[in-house]
Amino acid sequence: MLPPERISRFLSYLLRHRPKEYPLSFDSRGFTSWSDVVEVVRERFPDIAEEEIRGVIEGSDKKRFELKDGKIRATYG
């Protein structure tokens, strides 16, 4: 199992810092498909379960990500 911090850092990189480096499409509110994000994360970390990724997002005190209606985005607080 990967440390949650490592997953969170990659999600931040993916959704906030370098989104154009990945095949993700964002809507006008900054949301992208949850399933597409899971696929990209699994390319980087092949043994990760979707539940681990979701656990990092939902268990974070800082609420860096918003998961809604099958989509995800980085929050900017």
N, C-alpha and C. Protein backbone atom coordinates (compact mmCIF):
# COMPACT_ATOMS: atom_id res chain seq x y z
N MET A 1 0.83 -1.19 0.00
CA MET A 1 0.00 0.00 0.00
C MET A 1 0.88 1.25 0.00
N LEU A 2 0.53 2.18 -0.86
CA LEU A 2 1.28 3.43 -0.95
C LEU A 2 0.92 4.36 0.20
N PRO A 3 1.90 5.16 0.64
CA PRO A 3 1.57 6.17 1.65
C PRO A 3 0.56 7.17 1.09
N PRO A 4 -0.44 7.57 1.86
CA PRO A 4 -1.45 8.51 1.38
C PRO A 4 -0.85 9.82 0.85
N GLU A 5 0.26 10.26 1.45
CA GLU A 5 0.89 11.51 1.02
C GLU A 5 1.38 11.41 -0.44
N ARG A 6 1.87 10.25 -0.80
CA ARG A 6 2.37 10.05 -2.16
C ARG A 6 1.23 10.12 -3.17
N ILE A 7 0.12 9.51 -2.83
CA ILE A 7 -1.06 9.55 -3.70
C ILE A 7 -1.57 10.99 -3.81
N SER A 8 -1.66 11.68 -2.69
CA SER A 8 -2.13 13.06 -2.67
C SER A 8 -1.23 13.97 -3.50
N ARG A 9 0.08 13.79 -3.38
CA ARG A 9 1.01 14.61 -4.17
C ARG A 9 0.83 14.38 -5.66
N PHE A 10 0.65 13.13 -6.04
CA PHE A 10 0.45 12.84 -7.46
C PHE A 10 -0.87 13.44 -7.95
N LEU A 11 -1.93 13.33 -7.15
CA LEU A 11 -3.20 13.93 -7.54
C LEU A 11 -3.07 15.44 -7.69
N SER A 12 -2.34 16.08 -6.80
CA SER A 12 -2.12 17.53 -6.92
C SER A 12 -1.37 17.87 -8.19
N TYR A 13 -0.36 17.11 -8.48
CA TYR A 13 0.42 17.30 -9.71
C TYR A 13 -0.49 17.13 -10.93
N LEU A 14 -1.28 16.08 -10.90
CA LEU A 14 -2.16 15.72 -12.01
C LEU A 14 -3.27 16.75 -12.22
N LEU A 15 -3.90 17.19 -11.16
CA LEU A 15 -5.08 18.04 -11.28
C LEU A 15 -4.80 19.54 -11.16
N ARG A 16 -3.70 19.91 -10.53
CA ARG A 16 -3.44 21.32 -10.28
C ARG A 16 -2.20 21.84 -11.01
N HIS A 17 -1.10 21.12 -10.91
CA HIS A 17 0.17 21.67 -11.38
C HIS A 17 0.50 21.38 -12.85
N ARG A 18 0.20 20.18 -13.33
CA ARG A 18 0.58 19.79 -14.69
C ARG A 18 -0.53 19.03 -15.42
N PRO A 19 -1.74 19.51 -15.40
CA PRO A 19 -2.84 18.75 -16.02
C PRO A 19 -2.68 18.56 -17.53
N LYS A 20 -1.99 19.47 -18.19
CA LYS A 20 -1.83 19.37 -19.64
C LYS A 20 -0.88 18.25 -20.06
N GLU A 21 -0.16 17.70 -19.10
CA GLU A 21 0.75 16.59 -19.39
C GLU A 21 0.03 15.24 -19.45
N TYR A 22 -1.26 15.25 -19.14
CA TYR A 22 -2.03 14.01 -19.09
C TYR A 22 -3.27 14.12 -19.97
N PRO A 23 -3.79 12.99 -20.43
CA PRO A 23 -4.95 13.01 -21.33
C PRO A 23 -6.27 13.19 -20.58
N LEU A 24 -6.40 14.32 -19.90
CA LEU A 24 -7.62 14.62 -19.16
C LEU A 24 -8.32 15.82 -19.78
N SER A 25 -9.62 15.80 -19.75
CA SER A 25 -10.41 16.90 -20.27
C SER A 25 -11.15 17.53 -19.10
N PHE A 26 -11.02 18.84 -18.93
CA PHE A 26 -11.62 19.56 -17.82
C PHE A 26 -12.77 20.42 -18.30
N ASP A 27 -13.83 20.48 -17.49
CA ASP A 27 -14.95 21.36 -17.84
C ASP A 27 -14.66 22.78 -17.34
N SER A 28 -15.58 23.68 -17.54
CA SER A 28 -15.38 25.09 -17.19
C SER A 28 -15.22 25.32 -15.69
N ARG A 29 -15.65 24.36 -14.88
CA ARG A 29 -15.52 24.48 -13.43
C ARG A 29 -14.29 23.74 -12.89
N GLY A 30 -13.49 23.17 -13.80
CA GLY A 30 -12.27 22.49 -13.39
C GLY A 30 -12.42 21.02 -13.07
N PHE A 31 -13.60 20.46 -13.33
CA PHE A 31 -13.83 19.05 -13.07
C PHE A 31 -13.40 18.19 -14.26
N THR A 32 -12.94 16.99 -13.94
CA THR A 32 -12.61 15.99 -14.95
C THR A 32 -13.19 14.65 -14.49
N SER A 33 -13.25 13.72 -15.36
CA SER A 33 -13.84 12.42 -15.07
C SER A 33 -13.07 11.66 -13.99
N TRP A 34 -13.79 11.18 -12.99
CA TRP A 34 -13.19 10.38 -11.94
C TRP A 34 -12.55 9.12 -12.51
N SER A 35 -13.25 8.45 -13.41
CA SER A 35 -12.70 7.20 -13.97
C SER A 35 -11.43 7.46 -14.76
N ASP A 36 -11.34 8.60 -15.45
CA ASP A 36 -10.11 8.93 -16.19
C ASP A 36 -8.95 9.19 -15.23
N VAL A 37 -9.23 9.85 -14.12
CA VAL A 37 -8.19 10.10 -13.12
C VAL A 37 -7.72 8.79 -12.50
N VAL A 38 -8.65 7.91 -12.18
CA VAL A 38 -8.27 6.60 -11.62
C VAL A 38 -7.38 5.87 -12.61
N GLU A 39 -7.69 5.92 -13.88
CA GLU A 39 -6.89 5.25 -14.90
C GLU A 39 -5.47 5.81 -14.95
N VAL A 40 -5.34 7.13 -14.90
CA VAL A 40 -4.00 7.75 -14.93
C VAL A 40 -3.22 7.39 -13.67
N VAL A 41 -3.87 7.42 -12.52
CA VAL A 41 -3.19 7.07 -11.27
C VAL A 41 -2.72 5.61 -11.32
N ARG A 42 -3.55 4.75 -11.87
CA ARG A 42 -3.18 3.34 -11.98
C ARG A 42 -2.05 3.10 -12.97
N GLU A 43 -1.92 3.96 -13.97
CA GLU A 43 -0.77 3.85 -14.87
C GLU A 43 0.51 4.12 -14.10
N ARG A 44 0.46 5.07 -13.18
CA ARG A 44 1.63 5.43 -12.39
C ARG A 44 1.89 4.43 -11.26
N PHE A 45 0.80 3.99 -10.62
CA PHE A 45 0.87 3.06 -9.49
C PHE A 45 -0.03 1.86 -9.79
N PRO A 46 0.46 0.88 -10.53
CA PRO A 46 -0.39 -0.22 -11.02
C PRO A 46 -1.13 -1.03 -9.96
N ASP A 47 -0.61 -1.10 -8.77
CA ASP A 47 -1.23 -1.94 -7.74
C ASP A 47 -2.24 -1.20 -6.86
N ILE A 48 -2.49 0.05 -7.15
CA ILE A 48 -3.40 0.83 -6.31
C ILE A 48 -4.86 0.50 -6.61
N ALA A 49 -5.66 0.47 -5.57
CA ALA A 49 -7.09 0.22 -5.72
C ALA A 49 -7.82 1.56 -5.76
N GLU A 50 -8.93 1.59 -6.48
CA GLU A 50 -9.74 2.80 -6.55
C GLU A 50 -10.14 3.28 -5.15
N GLU A 51 -10.41 2.35 -4.26
CA GLU A 51 -10.81 2.70 -2.90
C GLU A 51 -9.70 3.43 -2.15
N GLU A 52 -8.43 3.09 -2.44
CA GLU A 52 -7.31 3.79 -1.81
C GLU A 52 -7.28 5.25 -2.25
N ILE A 53 -7.48 5.47 -3.53
CA ILE A 53 -7.47 6.83 -4.07
C ILE A 53 -8.61 7.63 -3.43
N ARG A 54 -9.79 7.04 -3.43
CA ARG A 54 -10.96 7.70 -2.84
C ARG A 54 -10.73 7.98 -1.35
N GLY A 55 -10.11 7.05 -0.66
CA GLY A 55 -9.83 7.23 0.76
C GLY A 55 -8.92 8.41 1.04
N VAL A 56 -7.94 8.62 0.18
CA VAL A 56 -7.03 9.77 0.32
C VAL A 56 -7.82 11.07 0.15
N ILE A 57 -8.70 11.10 -0.83
CA ILE A 57 -9.48 12.31 -1.10
C ILE A 57 -10.46 12.59 0.03
N GLU A 58 -11.20 11.59 0.42
CA GLU A 58 -12.24 11.79 1.44
C GLU A 58 -11.67 11.89 2.85
N GLY A 59 -10.48 11.35 3.08
CA GLY A 59 -9.89 11.38 4.42
C GLY A 59 -8.99 12.56 4.69
N SER A 60 -8.82 13.42 3.72
CA SER A 60 -7.91 14.56 3.88
C SER A 60 -8.57 15.67 4.68
N ASP A 61 -7.86 16.16 5.69
CA ASP A 61 -8.35 17.31 6.46
C ASP A 61 -8.30 18.60 5.65
N LYS A 62 -7.37 18.67 4.73
CA LYS A 62 -7.16 19.90 3.96
C LYS A 62 -8.14 20.06 2.80
N LYS A 63 -8.85 19.00 2.45
CA LYS A 63 -9.86 19.05 1.38
C LYS A 63 -9.30 19.67 0.10
N ARG A 64 -8.21 19.10 -0.39
CA ARG A 64 -7.56 19.60 -1.60
C ARG A 64 -8.29 19.21 -2.88
N PHE A 65 -9.20 18.26 -2.77
CA PHE A 65 -9.92 17.76 -3.95
C PHE A 65 -11.40 17.68 -3.66
N GLU A 66 -12.19 17.87 -4.70
CA GLU A 66 -13.64 17.74 -4.58
C GLU A 66 -14.10 16.66 -5.54
N LEU A 67 -14.82 15.70 -5.00
CA LEU A 67 -15.36 14.58 -5.78
C LEU A 67 -16.87 14.73 -5.79
N LYS A 68 -17.45 14.85 -7.00
CA LYS A 68 -18.88 15.12 -7.11
C LYS A 68 -19.43 14.59 -8.43
N ASP A 69 -20.50 13.81 -8.35
CA ASP A 69 -21.22 13.34 -9.55
C ASP A 69 -20.30 12.64 -10.56
N GLY A 70 -19.39 11.80 -10.07
CA GLY A 70 -18.50 11.06 -10.97
C GLY A 70 -17.38 11.89 -11.56
N LYS A 71 -17.14 13.07 -10.96
CA LYS A 71 -16.07 13.94 -11.43
C LYS A 71 -15.23 14.39 -10.24
N ILE A 72 -14.03 14.88 -10.53
CA ILE A 72 -13.11 15.34 -9.50
C ILE A 72 -12.44 16.62 -9.97
N ARG A 73 -12.08 17.48 -9.01
CA ARG A 73 -11.28 18.66 -9.31
C ARG A 73 -10.43 19.01 -8.10
N ALA A 74 -9.38 19.77 -8.37
CA ALA A 74 -8.56 20.31 -7.29
C ALA A 74 -9.29 21.52 -6.74
N THR A 75 -9.22 21.71 -5.44
CA THR A 75 -9.77 22.92 -4.83
C THR A 75 -8.64 23.89 -4.60
N TYR A 76 -8.97 25.14 -4.53
CA TYR A 76 -7.94 26.16 -4.39
C TYR A 76 -8.10 26.99 -3.15
N GLY A 77 -9.02 26.56 -2.28
CA GLY A 77 -9.24 27.17 -0.98
C GLY A 77 -9.16 28.61 -0.97
